[in-house]
C-alpha cells in the first residue's frame, strides 16, 4: 500500500480539496445526486470502515512504541530538549507528581514556543544571532511550551477510537495510557500506516 504522505485521509492530515471531490464525482458515470459535503462525509465514513475492516482486531497497545522519556512540567526546556534529542524522540508525555499524563511536549510545541514554524526557520533565527532563543530555552519550563491537556487513548482503544482521537488534535502522536492515566507508550500516525502496509 502506498500513500502520498505520512498521513491517511481525514483525521490523518490529508484533506480532500474541492477539486479532488469534483474530479472523483465527474468520473462516476450518470447523474450523481450528492452534494460536495455529502461526498466528503461518505469518503470519511468509508475510510473509517476500511480501516476497521483491515485492522478490526488491532488495539492501540499493539501499535504503540515504548516511551523511554517522560517529562516534568517544571523541567527547564533546555534539559527537555536534550532528553528528547538524546533518545531520538519527537515528543514525550508530561506527567504530574502522581505519574499521570497531563500534557505532551513535541517538536511542534517547541518551534511554536520559540517563534518558528520550521526547523529551518529556527536555524535562520539562530544564525541571525537571536538572543531570545537562548533566553527562552534556559528560562522556559516544559509547562510553558507543552500542549495540555494531552489527547490520550487506552491500550484497548480500537481503530475507530484511535481515528477519533487523532481527529481531536493536530499532532502526529499521542500517549497510550493505563486506566489510571499513566503512560504505557506512544502512538504515532505512521504506526497505523506501517501496520496497514503489512496487511
Protein backbone atom coordinates (compact mmCIF):
# COMPACT_ATOMS: atom_id res chain seq x y z
CA UNK A 1 0.00 0.00 0.00
CA UNK A 2 1.40 3.39 -0.93
CA UNK A 3 0.39 6.74 0.43
CA UNK A 4 1.31 10.23 -0.75
CA UNK A 5 2.43 11.33 2.69
CA UNK A 6 2.84 10.35 6.32
CA UNK A 7 -0.90 10.67 6.76
CA UNK A 8 -4.07 8.88 5.80
CA UNK A 9 -7.24 10.70 4.88
CA UNK A 10 -9.44 12.95 7.02
CA UNK A 11 -8.33 12.74 10.61
CA UNK A 12 -4.81 11.96 9.45
CA UNK A 13 -3.92 15.32 7.99
CA UNK A 14 -4.69 14.78 4.28
CA UNK A 15 -7.86 16.66 3.50
CA UNK A 16 -9.64 16.36 0.18
CA UNK A 17 -9.77 19.60 -1.80
CA UNK A 18 -12.92 20.63 -3.64
CA UNK A 19 -11.16 19.78 -6.92
CA UNK A 20 -10.35 16.28 -5.62
CA UNK A 21 -14.01 15.72 -4.85
CA UNK A 22 -15.34 17.21 -8.09
CA UNK A 23 -12.89 15.14 -10.13
CA UNK A 24 -13.98 11.94 -8.39
CA UNK A 25 -17.67 12.81 -8.85
CA UNK A 26 -17.14 13.53 -12.56
CA UNK A 27 -15.65 10.07 -13.05
CA UNK A 28 -18.80 8.34 -11.84
CA UNK A 29 -20.99 7.69 -14.91
CA UNK A 30 -24.53 9.03 -14.99
CA UNK A 31 -26.20 11.59 -12.77
CA UNK A 32 -24.91 11.81 -9.21
CA UNK A 33 -27.35 13.47 -6.84
CA UNK A 34 -25.00 14.25 -3.95
CA UNK A 35 -23.58 17.43 -2.52
CA UNK A 36 -19.89 18.10 -2.03
CA UNK A 37 -20.34 17.92 1.74
CA UNK A 38 -22.18 14.59 1.47
CA UNK A 39 -19.39 13.22 -0.74
CA UNK A 40 -16.78 14.19 1.86
CA UNK A 41 -18.79 12.51 4.61
CA UNK A 42 -19.21 9.32 2.57
CA UNK A 43 -15.46 9.29 1.95
CA UNK A 44 -14.68 9.78 5.64
CA UNK A 45 -17.04 7.01 6.73
CA UNK A 46 -15.77 4.66 4.01
CA UNK A 47 -12.18 5.27 5.11
CA UNK A 48 -13.04 4.52 8.72
CA UNK A 49 -14.93 1.37 7.70
CA UNK A 50 -11.98 0.15 5.61
CA UNK A 51 -9.56 0.78 8.45
CA UNK A 52 -11.80 -1.10 10.87
CA UNK A 53 -12.22 -3.99 8.41
CA UNK A 54 -8.48 -4.28 7.82
CA UNK A 55 -7.44 -3.71 11.42
CA UNK A 56 -10.53 -4.55 13.46
CA UNK A 57 -8.69 -6.72 15.97
CA UNK A 58 -5.80 -4.30 16.39
CA UNK A 59 -5.66 -2.18 19.52
CA UNK A 60 -3.61 0.85 20.49
CA UNK A 61 -1.42 -1.32 22.71
CA UNK A 62 -0.45 -3.37 19.64
CA UNK A 63 0.69 -0.29 17.74
CA UNK A 64 2.37 1.80 20.41
CA UNK A 65 6.10 2.02 20.95
CA UNK A 66 7.74 2.13 24.39
CA UNK A 67 8.35 5.64 25.68
CA UNK A 68 11.76 5.94 27.35
CA UNK A 69 11.29 9.57 28.38
CA UNK A 70 8.63 11.35 30.43
CA UNK A 71 8.91 14.97 31.41
CA UNK A 72 8.00 17.05 34.44
CA UNK A 73 6.13 20.30 33.79
CA UNK A 74 8.76 22.17 35.83
CA UNK A 75 11.74 20.80 33.90
CA UNK A 76 13.76 23.54 32.14
CA UNK A 77 13.19 23.47 28.40
CA UNK A 78 16.86 23.12 27.56
CA UNK A 79 17.00 19.90 29.62
CA UNK A 80 13.81 18.62 27.98
CA UNK A 81 15.25 19.28 24.52
CA UNK A 82 18.44 17.40 25.42
CA UNK A 83 16.42 14.47 26.75
CA UNK A 84 14.32 14.24 23.59
CA UNK A 85 17.31 14.61 21.28
CA UNK A 86 19.35 12.12 23.28
CA UNK A 87 16.70 9.44 22.70
CA UNK A 88 15.89 10.45 19.12
CA UNK A 89 12.31 11.40 20.07
CA UNK A 90 9.98 13.97 18.54
CA UNK A 91 7.87 14.30 21.68
CA UNK A 92 7.19 12.98 25.15
CA UNK A 93 4.35 12.94 27.67
CA UNK A 94 4.37 15.40 30.55
CA UNK A 95 3.43 13.86 33.90
CA UNK A 96 2.11 15.28 37.14
CA UNK A 97 3.52 14.32 40.53
CA UNK A 98 1.44 11.13 40.61
CA UNK A 99 2.74 9.99 37.22
CA UNK A 100 -0.41 10.76 35.23
CA UNK A 101 -0.25 12.33 31.78
CA UNK A 102 -1.22 16.00 31.85
CA UNK A 103 0.30 17.18 28.59
CA UNK A 104 2.58 16.49 25.66
CA UNK A 105 5.74 18.28 24.58
CA UNK A 106 6.60 17.89 20.89
CA UNK A 107 8.94 19.43 18.35
CA UNK A 108 5.97 21.42 17.05
CA UNK A 109 5.30 22.79 20.55
CA UNK A 110 8.93 23.83 20.89
CA UNK A 111 9.00 25.52 17.50
CA UNK A 112 5.82 27.42 18.31
CA UNK A 113 7.20 28.48 21.68
CA UNK A 114 10.40 29.73 20.04
CA UNK A 115 8.51 31.65 17.36
CA UNK A 116 9.50 29.49 14.38
CA UNK A 117 7.32 27.47 12.03
CA UNK A 118 10.01 25.01 10.88
CA UNK A 119 13.40 23.71 11.97
CA UNK A 120 14.95 25.66 9.10
CA UNK A 121 13.25 28.81 10.35
CA UNK A 122 14.70 28.18 13.79
CA UNK A 123 18.14 27.70 12.27
CA UNK A 124 17.81 31.04 10.46
CA UNK A 125 16.95 32.71 13.76
CA UNK A 126 19.97 31.11 15.40
CA UNK A 127 22.30 32.13 12.57
CA UNK A 128 20.96 35.67 12.83
CA UNK A 129 22.11 35.73 16.45
CA UNK A 130 18.63 35.82 18.02
CA UNK A 131 19.46 36.11 21.72
CA UNK A 132 15.84 35.31 22.56
CA UNK A 133 16.38 31.67 21.65
CA UNK A 134 18.88 31.11 24.45
CA UNK A 135 16.76 33.04 26.92
CA UNK A 136 13.62 31.07 26.04
CA UNK A 137 15.35 27.71 26.31
CA UNK A 138 17.15 28.48 29.57
CA UNK A 139 14.37 30.39 31.30
CA UNK A 140 11.38 28.46 29.99
CA UNK A 141 9.84 25.39 31.55
CA UNK A 142 8.10 22.44 29.92
CA UNK A 143 4.74 23.76 31.17
CA UNK A 144 5.31 26.94 29.13
CA UNK A 145 5.50 25.11 25.80
CA UNK A 146 3.56 21.85 26.20
CA UNK A 147 0.15 21.10 24.75
CA UNK A 148 -2.36 20.47 27.54
CA UNK A 149 -4.44 18.58 28.15
CA UNK A 150 -2.96 15.76 26.09
CA UNK A 151 -5.29 13.68 23.93
CA UNK A 152 -4.68 10.08 25.05
CA UNK A 153 -6.06 6.63 24.29
CA UNK A 154 -6.15 3.49 26.38
CA UNK A 155 -4.24 0.36 25.42
CA UNK A 156 -7.50 -1.35 24.39
CA UNK A 157 -8.64 1.52 22.14
CA UNK A 158 -9.97 0.30 18.80
CA UNK A 159 -9.01 1.66 15.40
CA UNK A 160 -12.19 3.76 15.45
CA UNK A 161 -11.23 5.16 18.86
CA UNK A 162 -7.73 5.96 17.59
CA UNK A 163 -9.08 7.71 14.48
CA UNK A 164 -11.44 9.78 16.61
CA UNK A 165 -8.63 10.72 19.00
CA UNK A 166 -6.31 11.80 16.17
CA UNK A 167 -9.08 13.97 14.71
CA UNK A 168 -9.35 15.71 18.10
CA UNK A 169 -5.89 17.27 17.83
CA UNK A 170 -3.46 18.33 15.09
CA UNK A 171 -0.46 16.38 16.34
CA UNK A 172 1.09 13.25 14.86
CA UNK A 173 1.43 11.27 18.10
CA UNK A 174 -0.33 10.72 21.40
CA UNK A 175 0.23 8.86 24.64
CA UNK A 176 -1.28 5.46 25.31
CA UNK A 177 -2.25 5.27 28.98
CA UNK A 178 -3.49 2.74 31.52
CA UNK A 179 -6.78 3.04 33.39
CA UNK A 180 -5.19 5.48 35.85
CA UNK A 181 -3.85 7.78 33.13
CA UNK A 182 -0.24 6.66 33.49
CA UNK A 183 1.79 6.31 30.27
CA UNK A 184 2.34 2.93 28.64
CA UNK A 185 3.81 4.13 25.35
CA UNK A 186 3.35 6.48 22.42
CA UNK A 187 1.26 6.00 19.30
CA UNK A 188 2.22 7.78 16.08
CA UNK A 189 0.12 8.15 12.95
CA UNK A 190 2.91 6.48 10.99
CA UNK A 191 2.46 3.38 13.17
CA UNK A 192 -1.02 2.97 11.70
CA UNK A 193 0.29 3.40 8.16
CA UNK A 194 3.07 0.89 8.70
CA UNK A 195 0.55 -1.65 10.02
CA UNK A 196 -1.78 -1.06 7.08
CA UNK A 197 1.12 -1.56 4.71
CA UNK A 198 1.72 -5.08 6.06
CA UNK A 199 -1.88 -6.25 5.59
